[in-house]
Structure formats: C-alpha cells, structure tokens
Amino acid sequence: MLTITEKITQKIGIPVSQFRKDLDNPQVKERVENSVKEANLLGIQGTPALFFNGRPYFLSTDGLGLELRLAMEKHRSQATCH
C-alpha cells in the first residue's frame, strides 16, 4: 500500500522505487536537513516562500497580493531615498 506522499510522487511522474531510495540516501537527508536549518534561520515557516530584497513575502490566497508587492518593490527600487 502506498503512502499519500508516494501517491503524489507517482502522480507527478517520479518512480516510487526511486523516491524510496532517495528517502534513505544520507546525502539527500543531509541536503534536506540543511535546507530546513536555513529556512529556520530565515524565519520561513512553509513553502513556497518568497523574499523581495531580503524581506519575506507571505503569500495571499489570490494573485492580487503578489501583484501589489511587486509594484511596491519596483517603486521602492526606483526611489531616491530609502
């Protein structure tokens, strides 16, 4: 019986056998652990996570929030005073 994660893996086209192999690979585990440590240092609490000029952007449920943030960052980059 497949786990939910394995079903998703299979659905997106990754062979379950490869997924299981990678899950047990010490190098893969180390990369994941390092990514989690880095995310914790940056205050990231989930994915996807976006940063604009070093400032976190927490995704809204619609595209409007992202459009507004992009416009704000564009104006901020063009400002003569910071």
N, C-alpha and C. Protein backbone atom coordinates (compact mmCIF):
# COMPACT_ATOMS: atom_id res chain seq x y z
N MET A 1 0.84 -1.18 0.00
CA MET A 1 0.00 0.00 0.00
C MET A 1 0.89 1.25 0.00
N LEU A 2 0.56 2.20 -0.86
CA LEU A 2 1.34 3.43 -0.97
C LEU A 2 0.90 4.46 0.06
N THR A 3 1.86 5.23 0.56
CA THR A 3 1.53 6.35 1.44
C THR A 3 0.99 7.49 0.59
N ILE A 4 0.44 8.48 1.22
CA ILE A 4 -0.07 9.65 0.49
C ILE A 4 1.07 10.30 -0.29
N THR A 5 2.24 10.45 0.36
CA THR A 5 3.39 11.06 -0.30
C THR A 5 3.81 10.24 -1.52
N GLU A 6 3.80 8.93 -1.39
CA GLU A 6 4.18 8.08 -2.52
C GLU A 6 3.16 8.17 -3.66
N LYS A 7 1.89 8.33 -3.31
CA LYS A 7 0.85 8.50 -4.35
C LYS A 7 1.08 9.80 -5.11
N ILE A 8 1.42 10.86 -4.38
CA ILE A 8 1.69 12.15 -5.02
C ILE A 8 2.94 12.03 -5.90
N THR A 9 3.96 11.36 -5.36
CA THR A 9 5.21 11.14 -6.10
C THR A 9 4.91 10.44 -7.42
N GLN A 10 4.12 9.39 -7.34
CA GLN A 10 3.76 8.62 -8.52
C GLN A 10 2.95 9.48 -9.50
N LYS A 11 2.04 10.27 -8.96
CA LYS A 11 1.17 11.11 -9.80
C LYS A 11 1.97 12.13 -10.61
N ILE A 12 3.06 12.67 -10.02
CA ILE A 12 3.85 13.67 -10.74
C ILE A 12 4.95 13.04 -11.60
N GLY A 13 4.99 11.70 -11.63
CA GLY A 13 5.88 11.03 -12.57
C GLY A 13 7.21 10.56 -12.02
N ILE A 14 7.39 10.58 -10.70
CA ILE A 14 8.63 10.07 -10.11
C ILE A 14 8.37 8.63 -9.70
N PRO A 15 9.23 7.71 -10.15
CA PRO A 15 9.04 6.31 -9.75
C PRO A 15 9.12 6.17 -8.22
N VAL A 16 8.16 5.46 -7.64
CA VAL A 16 8.11 5.29 -6.20
C VAL A 16 9.39 4.62 -5.69
N SER A 17 9.92 3.67 -6.46
CA SER A 17 11.15 2.98 -6.04
C SER A 17 12.30 3.98 -5.92
N GLN A 18 12.41 4.94 -6.83
CA GLN A 18 13.45 5.96 -6.77
C GLN A 18 13.23 6.88 -5.58
N PHE A 19 11.97 7.25 -5.34
CA PHE A 19 11.63 8.10 -4.21
C PHE A 19 12.05 7.44 -2.90
N ARG A 20 11.73 6.15 -2.75
CA ARG A 20 12.09 5.43 -1.53
C ARG A 20 13.61 5.34 -1.37
N LYS A 21 14.29 5.11 -2.48
CA LYS A 21 15.76 5.03 -2.45
C LYS A 21 16.35 6.38 -2.02
N ASP A 22 15.85 7.46 -2.61
CA ASP A 22 16.35 8.80 -2.26
C ASP A 22 16.04 9.15 -0.81
N LEU A 23 14.89 8.71 -0.32
CA LEU A 23 14.49 8.99 1.05
C LEU A 23 15.47 8.40 2.06
N ASP A 24 16.09 7.29 1.70
CA ASP A 24 17.05 6.63 2.59
C ASP A 24 18.50 7.04 2.32
N ASN A 25 18.73 7.87 1.32
CA ASN A 25 20.09 8.28 0.95
C ASN A 25 20.61 9.32 1.94
N PRO A 26 21.75 9.05 2.61
CA PRO A 26 22.30 10.01 3.58
C PRO A 26 22.59 11.38 2.99
N GLN A 27 23.02 11.44 1.73
CA GLN A 27 23.30 12.74 1.11
C GLN A 27 22.02 13.54 0.91
N VAL A 28 20.96 12.87 0.53
CA VAL A 28 19.67 13.54 0.35
C VAL A 28 19.16 14.03 1.70
N LYS A 29 19.26 13.17 2.72
CA LYS A 29 18.83 13.56 4.06
C LYS A 29 19.59 14.79 4.54
N GLU A 30 20.90 14.83 4.29
CA GLU A 30 21.72 15.97 4.72
C GLU A 30 21.29 17.25 4.00
N ARG A 31 21.01 17.16 2.70
CA ARG A 31 20.57 18.34 1.94
C ARG A 31 19.25 18.87 2.48
N VAL A 32 18.33 17.95 2.79
CA VAL A 32 17.03 18.36 3.32
C VAL A 32 17.21 19.00 4.69
N GLU A 33 18.02 18.38 5.55
CA GLU A 33 18.26 18.93 6.89
C GLU A 33 18.90 20.31 6.80
N ASN A 34 19.85 20.49 5.89
CA ASN A 34 20.48 21.80 5.71
C ASN A 34 19.47 22.84 5.22
N SER A 35 18.58 22.43 4.33
CA SER A 35 17.55 23.36 3.85
C SER A 35 16.60 23.77 4.96
N VAL A 36 16.24 22.81 5.81
CA VAL A 36 15.36 23.10 6.94
C VAL A 36 16.04 24.06 7.91
N LYS A 37 17.32 23.84 8.19
CA LYS A 37 18.07 24.74 9.08
C LYS A 37 18.11 26.16 8.51
N GLU A 38 18.39 26.26 7.21
CA GLU A 38 18.44 27.58 6.58
C GLU A 38 17.08 28.26 6.63
N ALA A 39 16.03 27.50 6.36
CA ALA A 39 14.67 28.06 6.42
C ALA A 39 14.36 28.57 7.82
N ASN A 40 14.75 27.80 8.83
CA ASN A 40 14.51 28.24 10.21
C ASN A 40 15.25 29.53 10.52
N LEU A 41 16.49 29.65 10.05
CA LEU A 41 17.26 30.87 10.28
C LEU A 41 16.60 32.08 9.62
N LEU A 42 15.97 31.85 8.47
CA LEU A 42 15.33 32.93 7.73
C LEU A 42 13.89 33.19 8.19
N GLY A 43 13.41 32.36 9.08
CA GLY A 43 12.04 32.53 9.57
C GLY A 43 10.99 31.98 8.63
N ILE A 44 11.38 31.14 7.71
CA ILE A 44 10.43 30.54 6.77
C ILE A 44 9.66 29.45 7.49
N GLN A 45 8.34 29.51 7.38
CA GLN A 45 7.50 28.54 8.07
C GLN A 45 6.79 27.59 7.12
N GLY A 46 6.98 27.76 5.84
CA GLY A 46 6.32 26.88 4.88
C GLY A 46 6.78 27.19 3.48
N THR A 47 6.27 26.44 2.53
CA THR A 47 6.61 26.66 1.14
C THR A 47 5.32 26.85 0.35
N PRO A 48 5.34 27.57 -0.73
CA PRO A 48 6.51 28.30 -1.21
C PRO A 48 6.77 29.55 -0.35
N ALA A 49 7.99 30.00 -0.37
CA ALA A 49 8.38 31.21 0.36
C ALA A 49 9.09 32.14 -0.61
N LEU A 50 8.73 33.39 -0.57
CA LEU A 50 9.34 34.38 -1.45
C LEU A 50 9.97 35.50 -0.62
N PHE A 51 11.09 36.00 -1.11
CA PHE A 51 11.74 37.15 -0.49
C PHE A 51 11.96 38.20 -1.57
N PHE A 52 11.69 39.44 -1.24
CA PHE A 52 11.96 40.56 -2.13
C PHE A 52 12.95 41.46 -1.43
N ASN A 53 14.13 41.59 -2.02
CA ASN A 53 15.17 42.44 -1.45
C ASN A 53 15.41 42.12 0.03
N GLY A 54 15.43 40.82 0.34
CA GLY A 54 15.70 40.38 1.69
C GLY A 54 14.53 40.42 2.65
N ARG A 55 13.37 40.86 2.17
CA ARG A 55 12.18 40.92 3.03
C ARG A 55 11.23 39.79 2.64
N PRO A 56 10.70 39.06 3.64
CA PRO A 56 9.80 37.95 3.31
C PRO A 56 8.46 38.45 2.78
N TYR A 57 7.91 37.69 1.90
CA TYR A 57 6.57 37.94 1.40
C TYR A 57 5.74 36.70 1.72
N PHE A 58 4.68 36.88 2.49
CA PHE A 58 3.80 35.78 2.84
C PHE A 58 2.65 35.77 1.85
N LEU A 59 2.51 34.67 1.15
CA LEU A 59 1.57 34.57 0.04
C LEU A 59 0.13 34.78 0.48
N SER A 60 -0.57 35.55 -0.32
CA SER A 60 -2.00 35.72 -0.10
C SER A 60 -2.71 34.63 -0.90
N THR A 61 -3.98 34.51 -0.69
CA THR A 61 -4.73 33.46 -1.37
C THR A 61 -5.09 33.84 -2.80
N ASP A 62 -4.78 35.05 -3.20
CA ASP A 62 -5.05 35.44 -4.59
C ASP A 62 -3.81 36.08 -5.19
N GLY A 63 -3.82 36.28 -6.47
CA GLY A 63 -2.68 36.87 -7.16
C GLY A 63 -2.53 38.36 -6.93
N LEU A 64 -3.57 39.02 -6.46
CA LEU A 64 -3.53 40.47 -6.28
C LEU A 64 -2.46 40.88 -5.27
N GLY A 65 -2.33 40.14 -4.19
CA GLY A 65 -1.33 40.47 -3.18
C GLY A 65 0.08 40.45 -3.76
N LEU A 66 0.37 39.47 -4.58
CA LEU A 66 1.68 39.37 -5.22
C LEU A 66 1.89 40.52 -6.19
N GLU A 67 0.87 40.85 -6.96
CA GLU A 67 0.99 41.97 -7.91
C GLU A 67 1.27 43.28 -7.16
N LEU A 68 0.57 43.49 -6.06
CA LEU A 68 0.79 44.71 -5.28
C LEU A 68 2.20 44.75 -4.70
N ARG A 69 2.69 43.62 -4.21
CA ARG A 69 4.04 43.57 -3.65
C ARG A 69 5.08 43.84 -4.72
N LEU A 70 4.90 43.27 -5.90
CA LEU A 70 5.85 43.52 -6.99
C LEU A 70 5.87 44.99 -7.37
N ALA A 71 4.69 45.61 -7.44
CA ALA A 71 4.61 47.04 -7.76
C ALA A 71 5.30 47.86 -6.68
N MET A 72 5.09 47.50 -5.41
CA MET A 72 5.71 48.22 -4.30
C MET A 72 7.24 48.10 -4.38
N GLU A 73 7.74 46.90 -4.64
CA GLU A 73 9.18 46.71 -4.72
C GLU A 73 9.78 47.45 -5.91
N LYS A 74 9.04 47.53 -7.00
CA LYS A 74 9.51 48.29 -8.17
C LYS A 74 9.65 49.76 -7.81
N HIS A 75 8.63 50.32 -7.17
CA HIS A 75 8.68 51.73 -6.78
C HIS A 75 9.78 51.97 -5.74
N ARG A 76 9.93 51.03 -4.82
CA ARG A 76 10.96 51.16 -3.79
C ARG A 76 12.35 51.17 -4.43
N SER A 77 12.57 50.36 -5.46
CA SER A 77 13.88 50.30 -6.10
C SER A 77 14.18 51.56 -6.91
N GLN A 78 13.15 52.28 -7.30
CA GLN A 78 13.32 53.49 -8.10
C GLN A 78 13.34 54.76 -7.24
N ALA A 79 13.07 54.62 -5.96
CA ALA A 79 13.03 55.78 -5.06
C ALA A 79 14.44 56.35 -4.86
N THR A 80 14.48 57.64 -4.65
CA THR A 80 15.78 58.29 -4.44
C THR A 80 16.18 58.30 -2.97
N CYS A 81 15.24 58.06 -2.07
CA CYS A 81 15.58 57.97 -0.65
C CYS A 81 15.03 56.64 -0.11
N HIS A 82 15.72 56.11 0.87
CA HIS A 82 15.32 54.78 1.39
C HIS A 82 14.96 54.88 2.82
